[in-house]
């Protein structure tokens, strides 16, 4: 059963990364991260004029990239 309290609890556990942090983690340029976000390949949340990427979204993207190339 998922209710508002459980959703809030899960959101508090999410670690959000900046585009620069994602770029450093993936060893790509910030422009590449923006392309992934705008193309829908990488989930992100818009906060004002910037984006924040949930850390788990980066891991999911990389897992998917490995399975596509294998």
N, C-alpha and C. Protein backbone atom coordinates (compact mmCIF):
# COMPACT_ATOMS: atom_id res chain seq x y z
N UNK A 1 0.85 -1.17 0.00
CA UNK A 1 0.00 0.00 0.00
C UNK A 1 0.90 1.25 0.00
N UNK A 2 0.63 2.15 -0.94
CA UNK A 2 1.41 3.38 -0.98
C UNK A 2 0.51 4.56 -0.69
N UNK A 3 0.88 5.32 0.28
CA UNK A 3 0.13 6.51 0.65
C UNK A 3 1.04 7.71 0.64
N UNK A 4 0.50 8.87 0.95
CA UNK A 4 1.31 10.09 0.96
C UNK A 4 2.50 10.02 1.90
N UNK A 5 2.33 9.38 3.06
CA UNK A 5 3.44 9.29 4.01
C UNK A 5 4.57 8.44 3.45
N UNK A 6 4.23 7.34 2.77
CA UNK A 6 5.26 6.48 2.19
C UNK A 6 5.96 7.19 1.03
N UNK A 7 5.20 7.94 0.24
CA UNK A 7 5.79 8.68 -0.87
C UNK A 7 6.76 9.72 -0.35
N UNK A 8 6.37 10.45 0.69
CA UNK A 8 7.27 11.45 1.29
C UNK A 8 8.53 10.80 1.83
N UNK A 9 8.37 9.64 2.45
CA UNK A 9 9.53 8.94 3.01
C UNK A 9 10.50 8.54 1.91
N UNK A 10 9.98 8.06 0.80
CA UNK A 10 10.85 7.67 -0.31
C UNK A 10 11.53 8.88 -0.93
N UNK A 11 10.80 10.00 -1.07
CA UNK A 11 11.40 11.20 -1.64
C UNK A 11 12.53 11.74 -0.77
N UNK A 12 12.40 11.60 0.53
CA UNK A 12 13.45 12.10 1.41
C UNK A 12 14.73 11.27 1.28
N UNK A 13 14.60 10.07 0.75
CA UNK A 13 15.77 9.20 0.57
C UNK A 13 16.47 9.43 -0.76
N UNK A 14 15.82 10.14 -1.69
CA UNK A 14 16.39 10.37 -3.01
C UNK A 14 17.50 11.41 -2.92
N UNK A 15 18.62 11.10 -3.54
CA UNK A 15 19.73 12.05 -3.61
C UNK A 15 19.73 12.66 -5.00
N UNK A 16 19.62 13.98 -5.06
CA UNK A 16 19.59 14.67 -6.33
C UNK A 16 20.98 15.22 -6.66
N UNK A 17 21.36 15.09 -7.93
CA UNK A 17 22.66 15.55 -8.41
C UNK A 17 22.47 16.70 -9.38
N UNK A 18 23.42 17.61 -9.40
CA UNK A 18 23.40 18.68 -10.40
C UNK A 18 23.89 18.12 -11.73
N UNK A 19 23.66 18.87 -12.78
CA UNK A 19 24.13 18.46 -14.11
C UNK A 19 25.66 18.31 -14.10
N UNK A 20 26.35 19.21 -13.41
CA UNK A 20 27.82 19.14 -13.34
C UNK A 20 28.26 17.87 -12.61
N UNK A 21 27.55 17.51 -11.54
CA UNK A 21 27.90 16.28 -10.81
C UNK A 21 27.66 15.04 -11.65
N UNK A 22 26.56 15.03 -12.41
CA UNK A 22 26.27 13.89 -13.29
C UNK A 22 27.35 13.80 -14.37
N UNK A 23 27.71 14.94 -14.95
CA UNK A 23 28.74 14.95 -15.99
C UNK A 23 30.07 14.41 -15.45
N UNK A 24 30.44 14.82 -14.24
CA UNK A 24 31.69 14.33 -13.65
C UNK A 24 31.60 12.84 -13.36
N UNK A 25 30.46 12.39 -12.86
CA UNK A 25 30.28 10.98 -12.54
C UNK A 25 30.37 10.10 -13.79
N UNK A 26 29.75 10.59 -14.88
CA UNK A 26 29.74 9.82 -16.13
C UNK A 26 30.95 10.11 -17.01
N UNK A 27 31.74 11.12 -16.62
CA UNK A 27 32.91 11.55 -17.39
C UNK A 27 32.53 11.96 -18.82
N UNK A 28 31.48 12.82 -18.88
CA UNK A 28 31.05 13.41 -20.14
C UNK A 28 30.88 14.91 -19.90
N UNK A 29 30.58 15.65 -20.95
CA UNK A 29 30.39 17.09 -20.78
C UNK A 29 28.99 17.38 -20.23
N UNK A 30 28.84 18.58 -19.69
CA UNK A 30 27.52 18.99 -19.20
C UNK A 30 26.52 19.03 -20.36
N UNK A 31 26.98 19.41 -21.55
CA UNK A 31 26.09 19.46 -22.71
C UNK A 31 25.53 18.08 -23.03
N UNK A 32 26.34 17.04 -22.87
CA UNK A 32 25.87 15.68 -23.09
C UNK A 32 24.76 15.33 -22.10
N UNK A 33 24.93 15.73 -20.86
CA UNK A 33 23.90 15.48 -19.84
C UNK A 33 22.62 16.22 -20.22
N UNK A 34 22.74 17.48 -20.63
CA UNK A 34 21.56 18.24 -21.05
C UNK A 34 20.86 17.56 -22.22
N UNK A 35 21.63 17.04 -23.17
CA UNK A 35 21.03 16.33 -24.31
C UNK A 35 20.27 15.09 -23.85
N UNK A 36 20.85 14.35 -22.91
CA UNK A 36 20.17 13.16 -22.38
C UNK A 36 18.87 13.53 -21.66
N UNK A 37 18.91 14.63 -20.92
CA UNK A 37 17.71 15.08 -20.19
C UNK A 37 16.64 15.54 -21.18
N UNK A 38 17.01 16.40 -22.12
CA UNK A 38 16.03 16.93 -23.07
C UNK A 38 15.52 15.85 -24.02
N UNK A 39 16.34 14.84 -24.28
CA UNK A 39 15.91 13.73 -25.15
C UNK A 39 15.06 12.70 -24.43
N UNK A 40 14.92 12.85 -23.12
CA UNK A 40 14.10 11.90 -22.36
C UNK A 40 14.82 10.63 -21.96
N UNK A 41 16.12 10.56 -22.22
CA UNK A 41 16.89 9.37 -21.87
C UNK A 41 17.28 9.34 -20.40
N UNK A 42 17.32 10.51 -19.77
CA UNK A 42 17.73 10.63 -18.37
C UNK A 42 16.68 11.46 -17.63
N UNK A 43 16.10 10.88 -16.60
CA UNK A 43 15.06 11.54 -15.82
C UNK A 43 15.66 12.69 -15.02
N UNK A 44 14.97 13.82 -15.03
CA UNK A 44 15.43 14.98 -14.26
C UNK A 44 14.23 15.80 -13.81
N UNK A 45 14.47 16.59 -12.79
CA UNK A 45 13.46 17.49 -12.25
C UNK A 45 13.96 18.91 -12.48
N UNK A 46 13.09 19.75 -12.98
CA UNK A 46 13.49 21.14 -13.20
C UNK A 46 13.23 21.93 -11.92
N UNK A 47 14.26 22.61 -11.45
CA UNK A 47 14.16 23.46 -10.26
C UNK A 47 14.57 24.86 -10.69
N UNK A 48 13.59 25.72 -10.85
CA UNK A 48 13.89 27.05 -11.37
C UNK A 48 14.41 26.94 -12.79
N UNK A 49 15.62 27.44 -12.99
CA UNK A 49 16.22 27.37 -14.33
C UNK A 49 17.23 26.24 -14.48
N UNK A 50 17.36 25.41 -13.46
CA UNK A 50 18.34 24.32 -13.53
C UNK A 50 17.65 22.97 -13.37
N UNK A 51 18.41 21.94 -13.60
CA UNK A 51 17.90 20.57 -13.48
C UNK A 51 18.59 19.86 -12.33
N UNK A 52 17.86 18.94 -11.73
CA UNK A 52 18.42 18.03 -10.73
C UNK A 52 18.07 16.62 -11.18
N UNK A 53 19.05 15.74 -11.13
CA UNK A 53 18.88 14.38 -11.60
C UNK A 53 18.93 13.44 -10.41
N UNK A 54 17.89 12.61 -10.22
CA UNK A 54 17.95 11.64 -9.13
C UNK A 54 19.12 10.67 -9.37
N UNK A 55 19.87 10.39 -8.34
CA UNK A 55 21.04 9.53 -8.48
C UNK A 55 20.66 8.17 -9.06
N UNK A 56 19.52 7.63 -8.64
CA UNK A 56 19.10 6.31 -9.14
C UNK A 56 18.85 6.36 -10.65
N UNK A 57 18.45 7.52 -11.20
CA UNK A 57 18.22 7.64 -12.64
C UNK A 57 19.52 7.50 -13.41
N UNK A 58 20.61 8.02 -12.85
CA UNK A 58 21.92 7.88 -13.50
C UNK A 58 22.32 6.41 -13.53
N UNK A 59 22.13 5.72 -12.41
CA UNK A 59 22.49 4.31 -12.35
C UNK A 59 21.63 3.47 -13.31
N UNK A 60 20.34 3.78 -13.40
CA UNK A 60 19.46 3.07 -14.32
C UNK A 60 19.89 3.30 -15.77
N UNK A 61 20.22 4.55 -16.09
CA UNK A 61 20.66 4.86 -17.45
C UNK A 61 21.92 4.08 -17.80
N UNK A 62 22.88 4.07 -16.88
CA UNK A 62 24.13 3.36 -17.15
C UNK A 62 23.90 1.85 -17.26
N UNK A 63 23.04 1.30 -16.42
CA UNK A 63 22.71 -0.13 -16.52
C UNK A 63 22.12 -0.44 -17.90
N UNK A 64 21.22 0.42 -18.37
CA UNK A 64 20.61 0.25 -19.67
C UNK A 64 21.62 0.37 -20.80
N UNK A 65 22.57 1.27 -20.64
CA UNK A 65 23.61 1.46 -21.66
C UNK A 65 24.49 0.22 -21.76
N UNK A 66 24.78 -0.41 -20.61
CA UNK A 66 25.59 -1.63 -20.63
C UNK A 66 24.84 -2.76 -21.30
N UNK A 67 23.56 -2.91 -21.05
CA UNK A 67 22.81 -4.01 -21.64
C UNK A 67 22.61 -3.81 -23.14
N UNK A 68 22.55 -2.54 -23.61
CA UNK A 68 22.41 -2.28 -25.03
C UNK A 68 23.70 -2.60 -25.78
N UNK A 69 24.84 -2.37 -25.17
CA UNK A 69 26.11 -2.58 -25.86
C UNK A 69 26.59 -4.02 -25.75
N UNK A 70 26.00 -4.80 -24.87
CA UNK A 70 26.45 -6.19 -24.68
C UNK A 70 25.87 -7.12 -25.70
